[in-house]
PDB file of N, CA and C in Angstrom:
ATOM      1  N   MET A   1      25.122 -16.942  10.325  1.00  0.00           N
ATOM      2  CA  MET A   1      24.382 -16.632   9.215  1.00  0.00           C
ATOM      3  C   MET A   1      24.079 -17.850   8.359  1.00  0.00           C
ATOM      4  N   ALA A   2      22.847 -18.053   7.932  1.00  0.00           N
ATOM      5  CA  ALA A   2      22.493 -19.198   7.118  1.00  0.00           C
ATOM      6  C   ALA A   2      22.936 -19.103   5.820  1.00  0.00           C
ATOM      7  N   VAL A   3      23.626 -20.132   5.300  1.00  0.00           N
ATOM      8  CA  VAL A   3      24.169 -20.181   3.932  1.00  0.00           C
ATOM      9  C   VAL A   3      23.686 -21.509   3.241  1.00  0.00           C
ATOM     10  N   PRO A   4      23.017 -21.432   2.120  1.00  0.00           N
ATOM     11  CA  PRO A   4      22.547 -22.739   1.578  1.00  0.00           C
ATOM     12  C   PRO A   4      23.688 -23.682   1.071  1.00  0.00           C
ATOM     13  N   LYS A   5      23.476 -24.917   1.372  1.00  0.00           N
ATOM     14  CA  LYS A   5      24.527 -25.850   1.184  1.00  0.00           C
ATOM     15  C   LYS A   5      24.576 -26.257  -0.386  1.00  0.00           C
ATOM     16  N   ARG A   6      23.349 -26.239  -0.982  1.00  0.00           N
ATOM     17  CA  ARG A   6      23.282 -26.585  -2.414  1.00  0.00           C
ATOM     18  C   ARG A   6      22.505 -25.600  -3.147  1.00  0.00           C
ATOM     19  N   ARG A   7      22.653 -25.534  -4.436  1.00  0.00           N
ATOM     20  CA  ARG A   7      21.867 -24.578  -5.213  1.00  0.00           C
ATOM     21  C   ARG A   7      20.386 -25.007  -5.236  1.00  0.00           C
ATOM     22  N   MET A   8      19.511 -24.117  -5.105  1.00  0.00           N
ATOM     23  CA  MET A   8      17.981 -24.424  -5.256  1.00  0.00           C
ATOM     24  C   MET A   8      17.635 -24.569  -6.677  1.00  0.00           C
ATOM     25  N   SER A   9      16.887 -25.669  -6.930  1.00  0.00           N
ATOM     26  CA  SER A   9      16.493 -25.860  -8.360  1.00  0.00           C
ATOM     27  C   SER A   9      15.523 -24.852  -8.878  1.00  0.00           C
ATOM     28  N   ARG A  10      15.308 -24.776 -10.204  1.00  0.00           N
ATOM     29  CA  ARG A  10      14.444 -23.825 -10.810  1.00  0.00           C
ATOM     30  C   ARG A  10      12.997 -24.020 -10.312  1.00  0.00           C
ATOM     31  N   SER A  11      12.625 -25.352 -10.242  1.00  0.00           N
ATOM     32  CA  SER A  11      11.231 -25.629  -9.873  1.00  0.00           C
ATOM     33  C   SER A  11      10.940 -25.215  -8.463  1.00  0.00           C
ATOM     34  N   ASN A  12      11.890 -25.533  -7.580  1.00  0.00           N
ATOM     35  CA  ASN A  12      11.721 -25.058  -6.201  1.00  0.00           C
ATOM     36  C   ASN A  12      11.691 -23.510  -5.984  1.00  0.00           C
ATOM     37  N   THR A  13      12.558 -22.841  -6.752  1.00  0.00           N
ATOM     38  CA  THR A  13      12.542 -21.417  -6.740  1.00  0.00           C
ATOM     39  C   THR A  13      11.271 -20.820  -7.244  1.00  0.00           C
ATOM     40  N   ARG A  14      10.808 -21.428  -8.309  1.00  0.00           N
ATOM     41  CA  ARG A  14       9.623 -20.778  -8.940  1.00  0.00           C
ATOM     42  C   ARG A  14       8.339 -21.098  -8.107  1.00  0.00           C
ATOM     43  N   SER A  15       8.351 -22.264  -7.523  1.00  0.00           N
ATOM     44  CA  SER A  15       7.195 -22.637  -6.653  1.00  0.00           C
ATOM     45  C   SER A  15       7.173 -21.767  -5.364  1.00  0.00           C
ATOM     46  N   ARG A  16       8.310 -21.447  -4.905  1.00  0.00           N
ATOM     47  CA  ARG A  16       8.409 -20.512  -3.731  1.00  0.00           C
ATOM     48  C   ARG A  16       7.969 -19.128  -4.147  1.00  0.00           C
ATOM     49  N   ARG A  17       8.443 -18.691  -5.334  1.00  0.00           N
ATOM     50  CA  ARG A  17       8.104 -17.300  -5.813  1.00  0.00           C
ATOM     51  C   ARG A  17       6.623 -17.195  -6.156  1.00  0.00           C
ATOM     52  N   SER A  18       6.011 -18.266  -6.470  1.00  0.00           N
ATOM     53  CA  SER A  18       4.540 -18.237  -6.839  1.00  0.00           C
ATOM     54  C   SER A  18       3.682 -17.735  -5.732  1.00  0.00           C
ATOM     55  N   GLN A  19       4.178 -17.742  -4.572  1.00  0.00           N
ATOM     56  CA  GLN A  19       3.398 -17.288  -3.424  1.00  0.00           C
ATOM     57  C   GLN A  19       3.487 -15.782  -3.199  1.00  0.00           C
ATOM     58  N   TRP A  20       4.334 -15.178  -3.875  1.00  0.00           N
ATOM     59  CA  TRP A  20       4.487 -13.690  -3.784  1.00  0.00           C
ATOM     60  C   TRP A  20       3.308 -13.045  -4.552  1.00  0.00           C
ATOM     61  N   LYS A  21       2.391 -12.466  -3.780  1.00  0.00           N
ATOM     62  CA  LYS A  21       1.205 -11.897  -4.458  1.00  0.00           C
ATOM     63  C   LYS A  21       1.145 -10.434  -3.999  1.00  0.00           C
ATOM     64  N   THR A  22       0.516  -9.582  -4.893  1.00  0.00           N
ATOM     65  CA  THR A  22       0.219  -8.260  -4.523  1.00  0.00           C
ATOM     66  C   THR A  22      -1.150  -8.222  -3.936  1.00  0.00           C
ATOM     67  N   SER A  23      -1.435  -7.178  -3.161  1.00  0.00           N
ATOM     68  CA  SER A  23      -2.755  -7.054  -2.562  1.00  0.00           C
ATOM     69  C   SER A  23      -3.280  -5.705  -2.922  1.00  0.00           C
ATOM     70  N   VAL A  24      -4.613  -5.604  -2.983  1.00  0.00           N
ATOM     71  CA  VAL A  24      -5.212  -4.355  -3.188  1.00  0.00           C
ATOM     72  C   VAL A  24      -5.071  -3.423  -2.069  1.00  0.00           C
ATOM     73  N   PRO A  25      -4.636  -2.144  -2.280  1.00  0.00           N
ATOM     74  CA  PRO A  25      -4.532  -1.303  -1.099  1.00  0.00           C
ATOM     75  C   PRO A  25      -5.930  -0.973  -0.564  1.00  0.00           C
ATOM     76  N   THR A  26      -5.896  -0.843   0.838  1.00  0.00           N
ATOM     77  CA  THR A  26      -7.187  -0.481   1.542  1.00  0.00           C
ATOM     78  C   THR A  26      -7.405   1.029   1.370  1.00  0.00           C
ATOM     79  N   LEU A  27      -8.625   1.373   0.959  1.00  0.00           N
ATOM     80  CA  LEU A  27      -8.972   2.816   0.748  1.00  0.00           C
ATOM     81  C   LEU A  27     -10.042   3.173   1.784  1.00  0.00           C
ATOM     82  N   VAL A  28      -9.914   4.479   2.205  1.00  0.00           N
ATOM     83  CA  VAL A  28     -11.007   5.013   3.122  1.00  0.00           C
ATOM     84  C   VAL A  28     -11.532   6.247   2.393  1.00  0.00           C
ATOM     85  N   THR A  29     -12.656   6.750   2.742  1.00  0.00           N
ATOM     86  CA  THR A  29     -13.190   7.933   2.269  1.00  0.00           C
ATOM     87  C   THR A  29     -12.623   9.159   3.042  1.00  0.00           C
ATOM     88  N   CYS A  30     -12.469  10.219   2.418  1.00  0.00           N
ATOM     89  CA  CYS A  30     -11.927  11.424   2.976  1.00  0.00           C
ATOM     90  C   CYS A  30     -12.981  12.000   3.964  1.00  0.00           C
ATOM     91  N   GLU A  31     -12.530  12.436   5.146  1.00  0.00           N
ATOM     92  CA  GLU A  31     -13.466  12.954   6.140  1.00  0.00           C
ATOM     93  C   GLU A  31     -14.042  14.311   5.788  1.00  0.00           C
ATOM     94  N   ASN A  32     -13.485  14.953   4.819  1.00  0.00           N
ATOM     95  CA  ASN A  32     -14.028  16.293   4.391  1.00  0.00           C
ATOM     96  C   ASN A  32     -15.364  16.050   3.749  1.00  0.00           C
ATOM     97  N   ARG A  33     -16.421  16.725   4.210  1.00  0.00           N
ATOM     98  CA  ARG A  33     -17.738  16.480   3.667  1.00  0.00           C
ATOM     99  C   ARG A  33     -17.885  16.972   2.220  1.00  0.00           C
ATOM    100  N   ALA A  34     -17.100  17.973   1.831  1.00  0.00           N
ATOM    101  CA  ALA A  34     -17.125  18.458   0.475  1.00  0.00           C
ATOM    102  C   ALA A  34     -16.392  17.550  -0.464  1.00  0.00           C
ATOM    103  N   CYS A  35     -15.455  16.756  -0.038  1.00  0.00           N
ATOM    104  CA  CYS A  35     -14.556  15.967  -0.849  1.00  0.00           C
ATOM    105  C   CYS A  35     -15.059  14.521  -1.042  1.00  0.00           C
ATOM    106  N   ARG A  36     -14.978  13.724   0.044  1.00  0.00           N
ATOM    107  CA  ARG A  36     -15.446  12.346   0.023  1.00  0.00           C
ATOM    108  C   ARG A  36     -14.726  11.417  -1.018  1.00  0.00           C
ATOM    109  N   GLN A  37     -13.482  11.755  -1.306  1.00  0.00           N
ATOM    110  CA  GLN A  37     -12.715  11.000  -2.318  1.00  0.00           C
ATOM    111  C   GLN A  37     -12.037   9.776  -1.623  1.00  0.00           C
ATOM    112  N   PRO A  38     -11.900   8.734  -2.280  1.00  0.00           N
ATOM    113  CA  PRO A  38     -11.125   7.642  -1.688  1.00  0.00           C
ATOM    114  C   PRO A  38      -9.690   7.925  -1.540  1.00  0.00           C
ATOM    115  N   LYS A  39      -9.084   7.577  -0.365  1.00  0.00           N
ATOM    116  CA  LYS A  39      -7.662   7.874  -0.168  1.00  0.00           C
ATOM    117  C   LYS A  39      -7.003   6.760   0.645  1.00  0.00           C
ATOM    118  N   LEU A  40      -5.780   6.723   0.700  1.00  0.00           N
ATOM    119  CA  LEU A  40      -5.099   5.774   1.604  1.00  0.00           C
ATOM    120  C   LEU A  40      -5.181   6.153   3.068  1.00  0.00           C
ATOM    121  N   PRO A  41      -5.261   5.279   4.008  1.00  0.00           N
ATOM    122  CA  PRO A  41      -5.483   5.625   5.394  1.00  0.00           C
ATOM    123  C   PRO A  41      -4.180   6.271   5.963  1.00  0.00           C
ATOM    124  N   HIS A  42      -4.331   7.226   6.798  1.00  0.00           N
ATOM    125  CA  HIS A  42      -3.245   7.919   7.539  1.00  0.00           C
ATOM    126  C   HIS A  42      -2.389   8.677   6.537  1.00  0.00           C
ATOM    127  N   THR A  43      -2.950   9.231   5.503  1.00  0.00           N
ATOM    128  CA  THR A  43      -2.267  10.092   4.536  1.00  0.00           C
ATOM    129  C   THR A  43      -3.156  11.316   4.260  1.00  0.00           C
ATOM    130  N   VAL A  44      -2.390  12.350   3.683  1.00  0.00           N
ATOM    131  CA  VAL A  44      -3.150  13.495   3.331  1.00  0.00           C
ATOM    132  C   VAL A  44      -3.996  13.225   2.053  1.00  0.00           C
ATOM    133  N   CYS A  45      -5.175  13.714   1.924  1.00  0.00           N
ATOM    134  CA  CYS A  45      -6.044  13.556   0.756  1.00  0.00           C
ATOM    135  C   CYS A  45      -5.432  14.356  -0.420  1.00  0.00           C
ATOM    136  N   LYS A  46      -5.232  13.689  -1.555  1.00  0.00           N
ATOM    137  CA  LYS A  46      -4.671  14.322  -2.728  1.00  0.00           C
ATOM    138  C   LYS A  46      -5.640  15.278  -3.389  1.00  0.00           C
ATOM    139  N   ALA A  47      -6.912  15.080  -3.194  1.00  0.00           N
ATOM    140  CA  ALA A  47      -7.912  15.976  -3.859  1.00  0.00           C
ATOM    141  C   ALA A  47      -8.070  17.311  -3.145  1.00  0.00           C
ATOM    142  N   CYS A  48      -8.181  17.208  -1.794  1.00  0.00           N
ATOM    143  CA  CYS A  48      -8.498  18.444  -1.056  1.00  0.00           C
ATOM    144  C   CYS A  48      -7.365  18.976  -0.119  1.00  0.00           C
ATOM    145  N   GLY A  49      -6.419  18.031   0.167  1.00  0.00           N
ATOM    146  CA  GLY A  49      -5.245  18.480   1.001  1.00  0.00           C
ATOM    147  C   GLY A  49      -5.496  18.494   2.479  1.00  0.00           C
ATOM    148  N   THR A  50      -6.514  17.762   3.004  1.00  0.00           N
ATOM    149  CA  THR A  50      -6.739  17.785   4.395  1.00  0.00           C
ATOM    150  C   THR A  50      -6.271  16.464   5.014  1.00  0.00           C
ATOM    151  N   TYR A  51      -6.016  16.557   6.343  1.00  0.00           N
ATOM    152  CA  TYR A  51      -5.607  15.392   7.134  1.00  0.00           C
ATOM    153  C   TYR A  51      -6.205  15.669   8.509  1.00  0.00           C
ATOM    154  N   ASP A  52      -6.959  14.755   9.014  1.00  0.00           N
ATOM    155  CA  ASP A  52      -7.535  14.863  10.379  1.00  0.00           C
ATOM    156  C   ASP A  52      -8.439  16.167  10.421  1.00  0.00           C
ATOM    157  N   ASN A  53      -9.152  16.365   9.406  1.00  0.00           N
ATOM    158  CA  ASN A  53     -10.093  17.464   9.255  1.00  0.00           C
ATOM    159  C   ASN A  53      -9.402  18.804   9.429  1.00  0.00           C
ATOM    160  N   LYS A  54      -8.038  18.886   9.099  1.00  0.00           N
ATOM    161  CA  LYS A  54      -7.296  20.088   9.093  1.00  0.00           C
ATOM    162  C   LYS A  54      -6.680  20.279   7.718  1.00  0.00           C
ATOM    163  N   GLN A  55      -6.703  21.575   7.253  1.00  0.00           N
ATOM    164  CA  GLN A  55      -6.097  21.896   5.953  1.00  0.00           C
ATOM    165  C   GLN A  55      -4.605  21.800   6.080  1.00  0.00           C
ATOM    166  N   VAL A  56      -3.875  20.884   5.452  1.00  0.00           N
ATOM    167  CA  VAL A  56      -2.489  20.745   5.626  1.00  0.00           C
ATOM    168  C   VAL A  56      -1.664  21.228   4.325  1.00  0.00           C
ATOM    169  N   VAL A  57      -2.268  20.889   3.202  1.00  0.00           N
ATOM    170  CA  VAL A  57      -1.574  21.125   1.937  1.00  0.00           C
ATOM    171  C   VAL A  57      -2.480  22.053   1.075  1.00  0.00           C
ATOM    172  N   ALA A  58      -1.993  23.157   0.543  1.00  0.00           N
ATOM    173  CA  ALA A  58      -2.792  24.043  -0.290  1.00  0.00           C
ATOM    174  C   ALA A  58      -2.899  23.308  -1.691  1.00  0.00           C
ATOM    175  N   VAL A  59      -4.092  23.121  -2.126  1.00  0.00           N
ATOM    176  CA  VAL A  59      -4.380  22.485  -3.472  1.00  0.00           C
ATOM    177  C   VAL A  59      -4.791  23.578  -4.460  1.00  0.00           C
TER     178      VAL A  59
END
């Protein structure tokens, strides 16, 4: 297991952490023709409760 030999300085730590960025989630439109709300891919639509053009959750 790798163990650091010396303590990392604040500037090195902060410059390394500055590369941590969040990204905007990719959204797709719901396949339901009546809904067409944006949703996360491969998830159930929160507006109409369908997944893969099948009613999965009662809304």
